[in-house]
C-alpha atoms as a PDB file:
ATOM      1  CA  MET A   1      -8.982  23.462  50.492  1.00  0.00           C
ATOM      2  CA  SER A   2      -8.215  19.764  50.733  1.00  0.00           C
ATOM      3  CA  LEU A   3     -10.347  17.384  48.719  1.00  0.00           C
ATOM      4  CA  GLU A   4     -11.536  13.972  49.810  1.00  0.00           C
ATOM      5  CA  PRO A   5     -10.290  10.996  47.723  1.00  0.00           C
ATOM      6  CA  ILE A   6     -13.749  10.583  46.161  1.00  0.00           C
ATOM      7  CA  GLU A   7     -13.826  14.250  45.142  1.00  0.00           C
ATOM      8  CA  GLU A   8     -10.353  13.942  43.595  1.00  0.00           C
ATOM      9  CA  ARG A   9     -11.505  10.871  41.633  1.00  0.00           C
ATOM     10  CA  VAL A  10     -14.623  12.694  40.453  1.00  0.00           C
ATOM     11  CA  LEU A  11     -12.538  15.589  39.123  1.00  0.00           C
ATOM     12  CA  GLU A  12     -10.076  13.210  37.448  1.00  0.00           C
ATOM     13  CA  GLU A  13     -12.936  11.303  35.797  1.00  0.00           C
ATOM     14  CA  GLY A  14     -14.454  14.552  34.569  1.00  0.00           C
ATOM     15  CA  ARG A  15     -11.145  15.720  33.081  1.00  0.00           C
ATOM     16  CA  PHE A  16     -10.497  12.295  31.537  1.00  0.00           C
ATOM     17  CA  ILE A  17     -13.852  12.233  29.766  1.00  0.00           C
ATOM     18  CA  ALA A  18     -13.807  15.916  28.752  1.00  0.00           C
ATOM     19  CA  GLU A  19     -10.238  15.850  27.380  1.00  0.00           C
ATOM     20  CA  ARG A  20     -10.350  12.499  25.607  1.00  0.00           C
ATOM     21  CA  GLY A  21     -14.004  12.237  24.662  1.00  0.00           C
ATOM     22  CA  ALA A  22     -13.947   8.921  26.515  1.00  0.00           C
ATOM     23  CA  THR A  23     -16.946   6.754  27.245  1.00  0.00           C
ATOM     24  CA  VAL A  24     -18.226   5.881  30.716  1.00  0.00           C
ATOM     25  CA  ARG A  25     -16.967   2.339  30.126  1.00  0.00           C
ATOM     26  CA  GLU A  26     -13.449   3.622  29.322  1.00  0.00           C
ATOM     27  CA  ALA A  27     -13.440   5.831  32.414  1.00  0.00           C
ATOM     28  CA  ALA A  28     -14.636   2.966  34.599  1.00  0.00           C
ATOM     29  CA  ALA A  29     -11.791   0.772  33.378  1.00  0.00           C
ATOM     30  CA  ARG A  30      -9.224   3.550  33.822  1.00  0.00           C
ATOM     31  CA  PHE A  31     -10.275   4.384  37.394  1.00  0.00           C
ATOM     32  CA  HIS A  32     -11.139   0.800  38.456  1.00  0.00           C
ATOM     33  CA  VAL A  33     -14.730   1.563  39.399  1.00  0.00           C
ATOM     34  CA  SER A  34     -18.078   0.485  37.977  1.00  0.00           C
ATOM     35  CA  LYS A  35     -19.886   2.228  35.130  1.00  0.00           C
ATOM     36  CA  SER A  36     -22.630   3.114  37.616  1.00  0.00           C
ATOM     37  CA  THR A  37     -20.096   4.834  39.867  1.00  0.00           C
ATOM     38  CA  VAL A  38     -18.665   6.873  36.997  1.00  0.00           C
ATOM     39  CA  HIS A  39     -22.150   7.890  35.896  1.00  0.00           C
ATOM     40  CA  LYS A  40     -23.153   8.905  39.434  1.00  0.00           C
ATOM     41  CA  ASP A  41     -19.890  10.823  39.832  1.00  0.00           C
ATOM     42  CA  LEU A  42     -20.432  12.758  36.611  1.00  0.00           C
ATOM     43  CA  VAL A  43     -24.142  13.414  36.960  1.00  0.00           C
ATOM     44  CA  GLU A  44     -24.475  14.062  40.698  1.00  0.00           C
ATOM     45  CA  ARG A  45     -21.089  14.862  42.241  1.00  0.00           C
ATOM     46  CA  LEU A  46     -19.197  16.729  39.512  1.00  0.00           C
ATOM     47  CA  PRO A  47     -21.771  19.540  39.062  1.00  0.00           C
ATOM     48  CA  ARG A  48     -21.335  20.472  42.741  1.00  0.00           C
ATOM     49  CA  LEU A  49     -17.526  20.396  42.566  1.00  0.00           C
ATOM     50  CA  ALA A  50     -16.824  21.937  39.159  1.00  0.00           C
ATOM     51  CA  PRO A  51     -19.828  23.189  37.183  1.00  0.00           C
ATOM     52  CA  ALA A  52     -17.808  24.220  34.104  1.00  0.00           C
ATOM     53  CA  LEU A  53     -16.006  20.865  33.892  1.00  0.00           C
ATOM     54  CA  SER A  54     -19.333  19.147  34.458  1.00  0.00           C
ATOM     55  CA  ALA A  55     -20.827  20.943  31.455  1.00  0.00           C
ATOM     56  CA  CYS A  56     -17.934  19.797  29.237  1.00  0.00           C
ATOM     57  CA  ALA A  57     -18.176  16.207  30.449  1.00  0.00           C
ATOM     58  CA  ARG A  58     -21.959  16.279  30.018  1.00  0.00           C
ATOM     59  CA  ARG A  59     -21.581  17.252  26.343  1.00  0.00           C
ATOM     60  CA  VAL A  60     -19.304  14.245  25.814  1.00  0.00           C
ATOM     61  CA  LEU A  61     -21.742  11.939  27.628  1.00  0.00           C
ATOM     62  CA  ASP A  62     -24.627  13.222  25.526  1.00  0.00           C
ATOM     63  CA  ARG A  63     -22.658  12.773  22.287  1.00  0.00           C
ATOM     64  CA  ASN A  64     -21.630   9.237  23.293  1.00  0.00           C
ATOM     65  CA  LYS A  65     -25.223   8.378  24.126  1.00  0.00           C
ATOM     66  CA  ALA A  66     -26.384   9.669  20.750  1.00  0.00           C
ATOM     67  CA  GLU A  67     -23.712   7.605  18.950  1.00  0.00           C
ATOM     68  CA  ARG A  68     -23.893   4.380  20.940  1.00  0.00           C
ATOM     69  CA  HIS A  69     -26.348   2.706  18.580  1.00  0.00           C
ATOM     70  CA  LEU A  70     -23.800   3.187  15.795  1.00  0.00           C
ATOM     71  CA  ARG A  71     -21.001   1.583  17.828  1.00  0.00           C
ATOM     72  CA  GLY A  72     -23.315  -1.302  18.694  1.00  0.00           C
ATOM     73  CA  GLY A  73     -24.163  -1.853  15.048  1.00  0.00           C
ATOM     74  CA  GLU A  74     -20.484  -1.863  14.093  1.00  0.00           C
ATOM     75  CA  ALA A  75     -19.705  -4.401  16.807  1.00  0.00           C
ATOM     76  CA  THR A  76     -22.510  -6.654  15.596  1.00  0.00           C
ATOM     77  CA  MET A  77     -21.255  -6.457  12.004  1.00  0.00           C
ATOM     78  CA  ARG A  78     -17.720  -7.385  13.131  1.00  0.00           C
ATOM     79  CA  LYS A  79     -19.065 -10.291  15.182  1.00  0.00           C
ATOM     80  CA  PHE A  80     -21.037 -11.780  12.317  1.00  0.00           C
ATOM     81  CA  ALA A  81     -18.255 -11.148   9.790  1.00  0.00           C
ATOM     82  CA  CYS A  82     -15.979 -13.222  12.014  1.00  0.00           C
ATOM     83  CA  HIS A  83     -18.564 -16.022  12.224  1.00  0.00           C
ATOM     84  CA  LYS A  84     -19.005 -15.939   8.461  1.00  0.00           C
ATOM     85  CA  ARG A  85     -15.227 -16.305   7.922  1.00  0.00           C
ATOM     86  CA  GLU A  86     -15.106 -19.211  10.374  1.00  0.00           C
ATOM     87  CA  ARG A  87     -17.969 -20.999   8.587  1.00  0.00           C
ATOM     88  CA  GLY A  88     -16.256 -20.420   5.251  1.00  0.00           C
ATOM     89  CA  ALA A  89     -13.024 -21.918   6.553  1.00  0.00           C
ATOM     90  CA  GLU A  90     -14.900 -24.938   7.902  1.00  0.00           C
ATOM     91  CA  ALA A  91     -16.620 -25.475   4.558  1.00  0.00           C
ATOM     92  CA  ALA A  92     -13.353 -25.160   2.678  1.00  0.00           C
ATOM     93  CA  GLY A  93     -11.701 -27.744   4.936  1.00  0.00           C
ATOM     94  CA  LYS A  94     -14.303 -30.453   4.241  1.00  0.00           C
END
């Protein structure tokens, strides 16, 4: 059975996320498609092509969704720590 290019991409995305625990954003960058495309591929197309792989990828997606508020908080802390260092350097230079 020969797969269409889209079906091959869907399977590759599913394996990439399941094996690496990658985020949708990481998969989108790796496969040069949008986050929306990756999400549609994993939620709608992958279950029809490979139900077992879909279940593995779905667990990763669910875990990433549950943890995303933590990653966002860490990013915000890094952002403001950088601004604080910059302000301190400006004050020291005066």
